[in-house]
N, C-alpha and C. Protein backbone atom coordinates (compact mmCIF):
# COMPACT_ATOMS: atom_id res chain seq x y z
N MET A 1 -8.78 15.53 -2.43
CA MET A 1 -10.21 14.54 -2.36
C MET A 1 -9.83 13.11 -2.64
N ILE A 2 -10.19 12.37 -1.50
CA ILE A 2 -9.84 10.53 -1.65
C ILE A 2 -10.87 10.08 -2.09
N LYS A 3 -10.43 9.39 -3.38
CA LYS A 3 -11.52 8.55 -3.93
C LYS A 3 -10.93 7.36 -4.58
N LYS A 4 -11.78 6.58 -5.09
CA LYS A 4 -11.38 5.08 -5.35
C LYS A 4 -10.84 5.13 -7.09
N ALA A 5 -9.68 4.68 -7.01
CA ALA A 5 -9.20 4.75 -8.33
C ALA A 5 -9.93 4.36 -9.56
N LYS A 6 -9.86 5.03 -11.00
CA LYS A 6 -10.71 4.39 -12.05
C LYS A 6 -9.48 3.70 -13.13
N ILE A 7 -9.83 3.45 -14.16
CA ILE A 7 -8.81 3.31 -15.20
C ILE A 7 -7.82 3.98 -15.37
N GLU A 8 -8.69 5.37 -15.71
CA GLU A 8 -8.00 6.48 -16.22
C GLU A 8 -6.86 6.86 -15.39
N ASP A 9 -6.75 6.44 -14.32
CA ASP A 9 -5.86 6.66 -12.89
C ASP A 9 -4.32 6.10 -13.46
N ILE A 10 -4.51 4.80 -13.61
CA ILE A 10 -3.37 3.76 -13.47
C ILE A 10 -2.42 4.25 -13.81
N LYS A 11 -2.16 4.76 -14.96
CA LYS A 11 -0.94 5.27 -15.54
C LYS A 11 -0.06 6.09 -14.59
N ALA A 12 -1.17 7.50 -13.86
CA ALA A 12 -0.81 8.17 -13.18
C ALA A 12 0.08 7.77 -11.71
N ILE A 13 -0.76 6.39 -11.27
CA ILE A 13 -0.33 6.07 -10.17
C ILE A 13 0.90 5.15 -10.22
N GLN A 14 1.06 4.58 -11.44
CA GLN A 14 2.17 3.86 -11.76
C GLN A 14 3.56 5.02 -11.70
N LYS A 15 3.50 5.80 -11.97
CA LYS A 15 4.07 7.18 -12.42
C LYS A 15 4.95 7.34 -10.80
N LEU A 16 3.76 7.49 -10.37
CA LEU A 16 3.74 7.99 -8.53
C LEU A 16 4.55 7.04 -8.14
N ILE A 17 4.47 5.95 -8.12
CA ILE A 17 4.88 4.46 -7.28
C ILE A 17 6.29 4.44 -7.99
N ASN A 18 6.34 4.41 -9.01
CA ASN A 18 7.80 4.15 -9.64
C ASN A 18 8.80 5.23 -9.36
N SER A 19 8.21 6.34 -9.27
CA SER A 19 9.48 7.41 -8.77
C SER A 19 9.93 7.02 -7.56
N PHE A 20 9.41 6.54 -6.46
CA PHE A 20 10.04 6.37 -4.84
C PHE A 20 10.46 4.85 -5.45
N ALA A 21 10.12 4.07 -6.14
CA ALA A 21 10.61 2.56 -6.48
C ALA A 21 12.15 2.87 -6.93
N SER A 22 12.40 3.76 -8.13
CA SER A 22 13.54 4.06 -8.50
C SER A 22 14.33 4.43 -7.69
N LYS A 23 14.33 5.18 -6.47
CA LYS A 23 15.13 5.92 -5.14
C LYS A 23 14.96 4.62 -4.30
N ASP A 24 14.39 3.17 -4.29
CA ASP A 24 14.78 2.30 -3.58
C ASP A 24 13.72 2.34 -2.32
N LEU A 25 12.82 3.12 -2.46
CA LEU A 25 11.97 3.34 -1.33
C LEU A 25 10.41 2.50 -1.30
N MET A 26 10.28 2.29 -2.62
CA MET A 26 9.05 0.94 -2.44
C MET A 26 9.72 0.13 -3.41
N LEU A 27 8.59 -0.79 -3.42
CA LEU A 27 8.64 -1.68 -4.45
C LEU A 27 7.72 -1.47 -5.94
N SER A 28 8.20 -1.37 -6.89
CA SER A 28 7.68 -1.11 -8.22
C SER A 28 6.23 -1.47 -8.39
N ARG A 29 5.68 -1.23 -9.58
CA ARG A 29 4.13 -1.82 -9.94
C ARG A 29 4.30 -1.73 -11.33
N SER A 30 4.17 -2.66 -11.92
CA SER A 30 3.91 -3.23 -13.52
C SER A 30 2.18 -2.33 -13.63
N LEU A 31 2.29 -1.97 -15.02
CA LEU A 31 0.75 -1.68 -15.43
C LEU A 31 -0.15 -2.88 -15.46
N ASN A 32 0.55 -3.84 -15.84
CA ASN A 32 -0.37 -5.25 -15.72
C ASN A 32 -1.08 -5.31 -14.22
N GLU A 33 0.04 -5.31 -13.24
CA GLU A 33 -0.57 -5.71 -11.80
C GLU A 33 -1.46 -4.52 -11.41
N LEU A 34 -1.08 -3.13 -11.72
CA LEU A 34 -2.32 -1.71 -11.31
C LEU A 34 -3.75 -2.12 -12.19
N TYR A 35 -3.77 -2.36 -13.04
CA TYR A 35 -4.62 -2.89 -13.89
C TYR A 35 -5.71 -4.05 -13.19
N GLU A 36 -4.92 -5.24 -13.14
CA GLU A 36 -5.67 -6.32 -12.47
C GLU A 36 -5.88 -5.90 -10.94
N ASN A 37 -5.55 -5.24 -10.35
CA ASN A 37 -5.72 -4.82 -8.88
C ASN A 37 -6.33 -3.47 -8.59
N LEU A 38 -7.02 -2.77 -9.97
CA LEU A 38 -7.69 -1.66 -9.95
C LEU A 38 -8.36 -1.43 -8.46
N ARG A 39 -9.47 -2.41 -8.22
CA ARG A 39 -10.31 -2.02 -7.27
C ARG A 39 -9.81 -1.97 -6.05
N ASP A 40 -8.15 -2.41 -5.50
CA ASP A 40 -7.62 -2.08 -4.35
C ASP A 40 -7.64 -0.85 -4.02
N TYR A 41 -7.38 0.04 -5.20
CA TYR A 41 -6.37 1.30 -4.94
C TYR A 41 -7.56 2.49 -4.61
N TRP A 42 -6.87 3.10 -3.89
CA TRP A 42 -7.52 4.63 -3.56
C TRP A 42 -6.58 5.53 -4.03
N ILE A 43 -7.18 6.75 -4.72
CA ILE A 43 -6.14 7.87 -4.84
C ILE A 43 -6.49 9.41 -3.88
N ALA A 44 -5.66 10.02 -3.96
CA ALA A 44 -5.90 11.27 -3.40
C ALA A 44 -5.67 12.41 -4.32
N GLU A 45 -6.31 12.98 -4.93
CA GLU A 45 -6.55 14.00 -6.34
C GLU A 45 -7.10 15.44 -5.96
N GLU A 46 -6.11 16.08 -6.89
CA GLU A 46 -6.15 17.64 -6.80
C GLU A 46 -6.03 18.28 -7.92
N TYR A 47 -6.95 19.08 -8.32
CA TYR A 47 -7.47 19.88 -9.49
C TYR A 47 -7.40 18.56 -10.67
N GLY A 48 -8.14 17.07 -10.49
CA GLY A 48 -7.88 16.33 -11.50
C GLY A 48 -6.45 15.66 -11.45
N LYS A 49 -5.36 15.89 -10.89
CA LYS A 49 -4.30 15.45 -11.20
C LYS A 49 -4.06 14.33 -9.48
N VAL A 50 -3.74 12.88 -9.95
CA VAL A 50 -3.21 11.81 -8.99
C VAL A 50 -1.91 12.49 -8.19
N ILE A 51 -2.20 12.91 -6.84
CA ILE A 51 -0.99 13.03 -5.84
C ILE A 51 -0.60 12.18 -5.05
N GLY A 52 -1.50 10.97 -4.61
CA GLY A 52 -1.30 10.24 -3.90
C GLY A 52 -1.97 8.88 -3.90
N CYS A 53 -1.53 7.81 -3.36
CA CYS A 53 -2.45 6.23 -3.58
C CYS A 53 -1.88 5.49 -2.20
N ALA A 54 -2.80 4.74 -2.57
CA ALA A 54 -2.62 3.44 -1.56
C ALA A 54 -3.71 2.29 -1.89
N ALA A 55 -3.45 1.20 -1.41
CA ALA A 55 -3.94 -0.06 -1.75
C ALA A 55 -4.80 -0.72 -0.49
N LEU A 56 -5.49 -1.31 -0.85
CA LEU A 56 -6.25 -2.32 0.26
C LEU A 56 -6.42 -3.49 0.05
N HIS A 57 -5.57 -4.70 0.05
CA HIS A 57 -5.40 -5.88 -0.79
C HIS A 57 -5.92 -6.97 0.36
N ILE A 58 -6.91 -7.60 0.03
CA ILE A 58 -7.34 -8.84 0.74
C ILE A 58 -6.49 -10.13 0.63
N SER A 59 -5.98 -10.50 1.48
CA SER A 59 -4.80 -11.39 1.53
C SER A 59 -5.58 -12.95 2.10
N TRP A 60 -6.16 -12.93 2.85
CA TRP A 60 -6.42 -14.27 3.22
C TRP A 60 -7.36 -14.17 4.65
N ASP A 61 -8.43 -14.90 4.47
CA ASP A 61 -9.44 -15.41 5.97
C ASP A 61 -9.64 -13.74 6.31
N ASP A 62 -9.34 -13.52 7.51
CA ASP A 62 -9.58 -12.09 8.19
C ASP A 62 -8.17 -11.03 8.08
N LEU A 63 -7.52 -11.57 6.86
CA LEU A 63 -6.44 -10.57 7.14
C LEU A 63 -6.27 -9.44 5.82
N ALA A 64 -5.34 -8.57 5.84
CA ALA A 64 -5.68 -7.68 4.67
C ALA A 64 -4.38 -6.84 4.54
N GLU A 65 -3.84 -6.40 3.53
CA GLU A 65 -2.52 -5.32 3.49
C GLU A 65 -2.86 -4.00 2.82
N ILE A 66 -2.17 -3.61 3.11
CA ILE A 66 -1.96 -1.90 2.95
C ILE A 66 -0.93 -1.74 2.16
N LYS A 67 -0.85 -1.64 1.05
CA LYS A 67 0.59 -1.39 0.21
C LYS A 67 0.31 -0.21 -0.87
N SER A 68 1.86 0.04 -1.40
CA SER A 68 1.91 1.13 -2.33
C SER A 68 1.33 2.68 -1.98
N VAL A 69 1.54 2.87 -0.77
CA VAL A 69 1.44 4.08 -0.40
C VAL A 69 2.28 5.30 -0.67
N ALA A 70 1.88 5.90 -1.37
CA ALA A 70 2.96 7.18 -1.79
C ALA A 70 2.10 8.40 -2.29
N VAL A 71 2.95 9.51 -1.81
CA VAL A 71 2.31 10.94 -1.87
C VAL A 71 3.36 11.59 -2.72
N ALA A 72 2.96 12.39 -3.67
CA ALA A 72 3.83 13.35 -4.28
C ALA A 72 4.85 14.19 -3.38
N LYS A 73 6.12 14.25 -3.91
CA LYS A 73 7.15 14.78 -3.22
C LYS A 73 6.42 15.99 -2.64
N ASN A 74 6.12 16.90 -3.55
CA ASN A 74 5.81 18.39 -3.32
C ASN A 74 4.55 18.22 -2.42
N LYS A 75 3.76 17.20 -2.18
CA LYS A 75 2.71 17.15 -1.25
C LYS A 75 2.43 16.53 0.07
N GLN A 76 3.85 16.10 0.30
CA GLN A 76 4.02 15.20 1.51
C GLN A 76 3.89 16.33 2.55
N GLY A 77 3.59 15.78 3.80
CA GLY A 77 3.20 16.67 5.15
C GLY A 77 2.58 17.50 5.53
N LYS A 78 1.36 16.92 4.42
CA LYS A 78 0.00 17.55 4.82
C LYS A 78 -1.16 16.69 5.07
N GLY A 79 -0.72 15.57 5.17
CA GLY A 79 -1.82 14.77 5.77
C GLY A 79 -2.59 13.66 4.84
N ILE A 80 -1.96 13.74 3.77
CA ILE A 80 -2.70 12.90 2.44
C ILE A 80 -2.14 11.54 2.98
N GLY A 81 -1.21 10.86 3.07
CA GLY A 81 -0.73 9.99 3.57
C GLY A 81 -1.57 9.17 4.62
N ARG A 82 -1.81 10.01 5.50
CA ARG A 82 -2.71 9.64 6.56
C ARG A 82 -4.03 9.89 6.35
N LYS A 83 -4.46 10.31 5.40
CA LYS A 83 -6.39 10.01 4.81
C LYS A 83 -5.97 8.78 3.77
N LEU A 84 -4.79 8.57 3.51
CA LEU A 84 -4.96 7.42 2.27
C LEU A 84 -5.17 5.93 3.24
N ILE A 85 -4.08 6.03 4.29
CA ILE A 85 -4.37 5.16 5.25
C ILE A 85 -5.90 4.72 5.85
N SER A 86 -6.24 5.94 6.31
CA SER A 86 -7.14 6.10 7.13
C SER A 86 -8.46 5.48 6.40
N VAL A 87 -8.54 5.59 5.18
CA VAL A 87 -9.76 4.95 4.34
C VAL A 87 -9.29 3.43 3.77
N CYS A 88 -8.08 3.46 3.99
CA CYS A 88 -8.18 1.59 3.62
C CYS A 88 -8.08 1.14 5.26
N LEU A 89 -8.19 1.64 6.17
CA LEU A 89 -8.17 0.97 7.63
C LEU A 89 -9.85 0.75 7.82
N THR A 90 -10.52 2.10 7.10
CA THR A 90 -11.77 1.78 7.25
C THR A 90 -12.42 0.51 6.56
N GLU A 91 -11.81 0.84 5.36
CA GLU A 91 -12.66 0.19 4.30
C GLU A 91 -12.12 -1.47 4.71
N ALA A 92 -11.09 -1.97 5.24
CA ALA A 92 -10.55 -3.20 6.03
C ALA A 92 -11.76 -3.84 7.12
N LYS A 93 -11.87 -2.52 7.71
CA LYS A 93 -13.27 -3.00 8.49
C LYS A 93 -14.44 -3.18 8.45
N GLU A 94 -14.55 -2.69 7.08
CA GLU A 94 -16.26 -2.69 6.46
C GLU A 94 -15.97 -4.08 6.04
N LEU A 95 -15.09 -4.73 5.47
CA LEU A 95 -15.11 -5.73 4.77
C LEU A 95 -15.02 -6.80 5.83
N GLY A 96 -14.75 -6.73 6.78
CA GLY A 96 -14.46 -7.79 7.86
C GLY A 96 -12.95 -8.23 8.22
N ALA A 97 -12.24 -7.73 7.86
CA ALA A 97 -10.75 -8.02 8.35
C ALA A 97 -10.50 -7.63 9.99
N LYS A 98 -10.22 -8.59 10.26
CA LYS A 98 -9.81 -8.46 11.31
C LYS A 98 -8.28 -7.93 11.38
N ARG A 99 -7.65 -8.41 10.99
CA ARG A 99 -5.95 -7.89 10.82
C ARG A 99 -5.41 -7.19 9.74
N ILE A 100 -4.76 -6.49 9.69
CA ILE A 100 -4.16 -5.66 8.58
C ILE A 100 -2.39 -5.69 8.45
N PHE A 101 -1.99 -5.86 7.77
CA PHE A 101 -0.63 -5.97 7.92
C PHE A 101 0.07 -4.64 6.70
N VAL A 102 1.38 -4.36 6.67
CA VAL A 102 1.96 -3.65 5.89
C VAL A 102 3.56 -3.98 5.84
N LEU A 103 4.56 -4.44 4.65
CA LEU A 103 5.44 -4.56 4.40
C LEU A 103 6.16 -3.35 4.00
N THR A 104 7.15 -2.59 4.40
CA THR A 104 7.83 -1.40 4.07
C THR A 104 9.04 -0.95 4.72
N TYR A 105 9.96 -0.35 4.05
CA TYR A 105 11.08 -0.24 4.18
C TYR A 105 10.90 1.30 5.47
N LYS A 106 9.82 1.42 5.46
CA LYS A 106 9.82 2.79 6.19
C LYS A 106 8.85 2.53 7.68
N PRO A 107 9.32 1.73 8.63
CA PRO A 107 8.29 1.22 9.79
C PRO A 107 7.79 2.43 10.64
N GLU A 108 8.38 2.93 10.67
CA GLU A 108 8.42 4.32 11.86
C GLU A 108 6.62 5.07 11.65
N TYR A 109 6.84 5.21 10.12
CA TYR A 109 5.23 5.90 9.47
C TYR A 109 4.37 5.08 9.92
N PHE A 110 4.18 3.63 9.53
CA PHE A 110 3.46 2.83 10.25
C PHE A 110 3.16 2.65 11.52
N LYS A 111 4.09 2.88 12.38
CA LYS A 111 3.82 2.82 13.76
C LYS A 111 2.87 3.63 14.43
N LYS A 112 2.90 4.94 13.74
CA LYS A 112 2.11 5.96 14.08
C LYS A 112 0.74 5.59 13.85
N PHE A 113 0.04 4.69 13.40
CA PHE A 113 -1.29 4.41 13.16
C PHE A 113 -1.57 3.34 13.86
N GLY A 114 -0.34 2.52 14.61
CA GLY A 114 -0.73 1.44 15.58
C GLY A 114 -0.09 0.23 14.99
N PHE A 115 0.24 0.49 13.94
CA PHE A 115 1.16 -0.74 13.73
C PHE A 115 2.44 -1.47 14.40
N LYS A 116 2.36 -2.77 14.47
CA LYS A 116 3.31 -3.13 15.55
C LYS A 116 4.16 -4.08 14.51
N ARG A 117 5.61 -4.03 14.79
CA ARG A 117 6.41 -4.89 14.11
C ARG A 117 6.35 -6.30 14.49
N VAL A 118 6.57 -7.31 13.63
CA VAL A 118 6.23 -8.71 13.28
C VAL A 118 7.38 -9.53 12.69
N LYS A 119 7.53 -10.79 13.21
CA LYS A 119 8.79 -11.49 11.94
C LYS A 119 7.82 -12.08 11.10
N ASN A 120 8.51 -11.47 10.17
CA ASN A 120 7.77 -12.22 8.62
C ASN A 120 7.38 -13.53 8.31
N SER A 121 7.92 -14.33 9.60
CA SER A 121 7.41 -15.51 9.51
C SER A 121 5.97 -15.65 10.15
N GLN A 122 5.62 -14.48 10.79
CA GLN A 122 4.21 -14.63 11.77
C GLN A 122 3.27 -14.41 10.65
N LEU A 123 3.39 -13.87 9.32
CA LEU A 123 2.61 -13.74 8.47
C LEU A 123 2.27 -15.33 7.47
N PRO A 124 0.90 -15.30 7.07
CA PRO A 124 0.65 -16.46 6.16
C PRO A 124 1.70 -16.80 5.46
N HIS A 125 2.18 -18.01 4.66
CA HIS A 125 2.89 -18.09 3.75
C HIS A 125 2.31 -17.58 2.46
N LYS A 126 0.47 -17.79 2.44
CA LYS A 126 -0.44 -17.35 1.30
C LYS A 126 0.36 -15.20 0.77
N ILE A 127 1.14 -14.94 1.97
CA ILE A 127 1.10 -13.79 1.27
C ILE A 127 2.37 -13.32 0.51
N TRP A 128 3.17 -14.61 0.55
CA TRP A 128 4.59 -14.40 0.00
C TRP A 128 4.59 -14.85 -1.58
N ALA A 129 3.14 -15.19 -1.94
CA ALA A 129 3.17 -15.58 -3.44
C ALA A 129 3.53 -14.21 -4.37
N GLU A 130 3.14 -13.13 -4.10
CA GLU A 130 3.57 -12.14 -4.82
C GLU A 130 5.02 -11.70 -4.63
N CYS A 131 5.76 -12.00 -3.27
CA CYS A 131 6.95 -11.60 -3.30
C CYS A 131 8.10 -12.77 -4.02
N ILE A 132 7.50 -13.72 -4.44
CA ILE A 132 8.56 -14.82 -5.26
C ILE A 132 8.68 -14.13 -6.59
N ASN A 133 7.99 -13.45 -6.96
CA ASN A 133 8.26 -12.60 -8.42
C ASN A 133 8.86 -11.53 -8.28
N CYS A 134 9.19 -11.06 -7.47
CA CYS A 134 9.50 -9.77 -6.84
C CYS A 134 11.31 -10.04 -7.28
N CYS A 135 11.72 -8.89 -8.26
CA CYS A 135 13.05 -8.80 -8.24
C CYS A 135 14.21 -8.79 -7.10
N LYS A 136 13.75 -8.61 -6.06
CA LYS A 136 14.52 -8.31 -4.81
C LYS A 136 14.34 -9.51 -4.12
N PHE A 137 13.58 -10.38 -4.50
CA PHE A 137 13.34 -11.77 -3.60
C PHE A 137 14.47 -12.59 -3.99
N PRO A 138 15.46 -13.25 -2.66
CA PRO A 138 14.80 -13.40 -1.46
C PRO A 138 15.72 -12.34 -0.68
N ASN A 139 16.50 -11.54 -1.37
CA ASN A 139 16.48 -10.32 -0.23
C ASN A 139 16.59 -9.02 0.01
N CYS A 140 15.06 -9.00 -0.09
CA CYS A 140 14.06 -7.59 0.43
C CYS A 140 14.50 -7.52 1.86
N LYS A 141 14.55 -6.22 1.67
CA LYS A 141 14.47 -5.81 3.17
C LYS A 141 13.19 -4.81 3.80
N GLU A 142 12.41 -5.66 3.35
CA GLU A 142 11.08 -4.76 3.82
C GLU A 142 10.87 -5.18 5.34
N ILE A 143 10.04 -4.62 6.17
CA ILE A 143 9.66 -4.80 7.56
C ILE A 143 8.25 -5.29 7.60
N ALA A 144 8.08 -6.26 8.10
CA ALA A 144 6.49 -6.25 8.32
C ALA A 144 5.89 -5.78 9.53
N LEU A 145 4.79 -5.22 9.42
CA LEU A 145 4.06 -4.86 10.85
C LEU A 145 3.04 -5.24 10.61
N LEU A 146 2.11 -5.15 11.77
CA LEU A 146 0.62 -5.70 11.95
C LEU A 146 -0.21 -4.97 12.98
N LYS A 147 -1.47 -4.96 12.58
CA LYS A 147 -2.41 -3.86 13.06
C LYS A 147 -3.79 -4.80 13.32
N THR A 148 -3.78 -4.80 14.83
CA THR A 148 -5.44 -5.68 15.09
C THR A 148 -6.41 -4.45 14.77
N LEU A 149 -7.28 -4.88 14.34
CA LEU A 149 -8.39 -3.89 13.77
C LEU A 149 -9.82 -4.05 14.75
């Protein structure tokens, strides 16, 4: 089941995200950041356990970001990530976003959803505020992709 995250889900979301971050597959998220952005997060749940997550964050004017897409290793390949991204895209449209971007180490995955690679410089400077505080800045290898809704 896909649903909005609740406070009680945050520690499980962090554990899931940081399990991938420890392998340099995505960026880690602190508990503080997750609690502050709780309303951005969707989860996939099975038998009361968080098995996937994704966040939709409004960045600027008509621009939104999908971030922190993660699915438990033993649940991958079952369409859970696709459902999480789809619900984020739907929510972005409902909120009035016209463009949505991702910063990812796995661009091929997002290209399946119609995202196209863009130069990082094509995204507004506003989105880089989070990057400045990242331990990988300024040597991050994330790739920017954009989709028009």
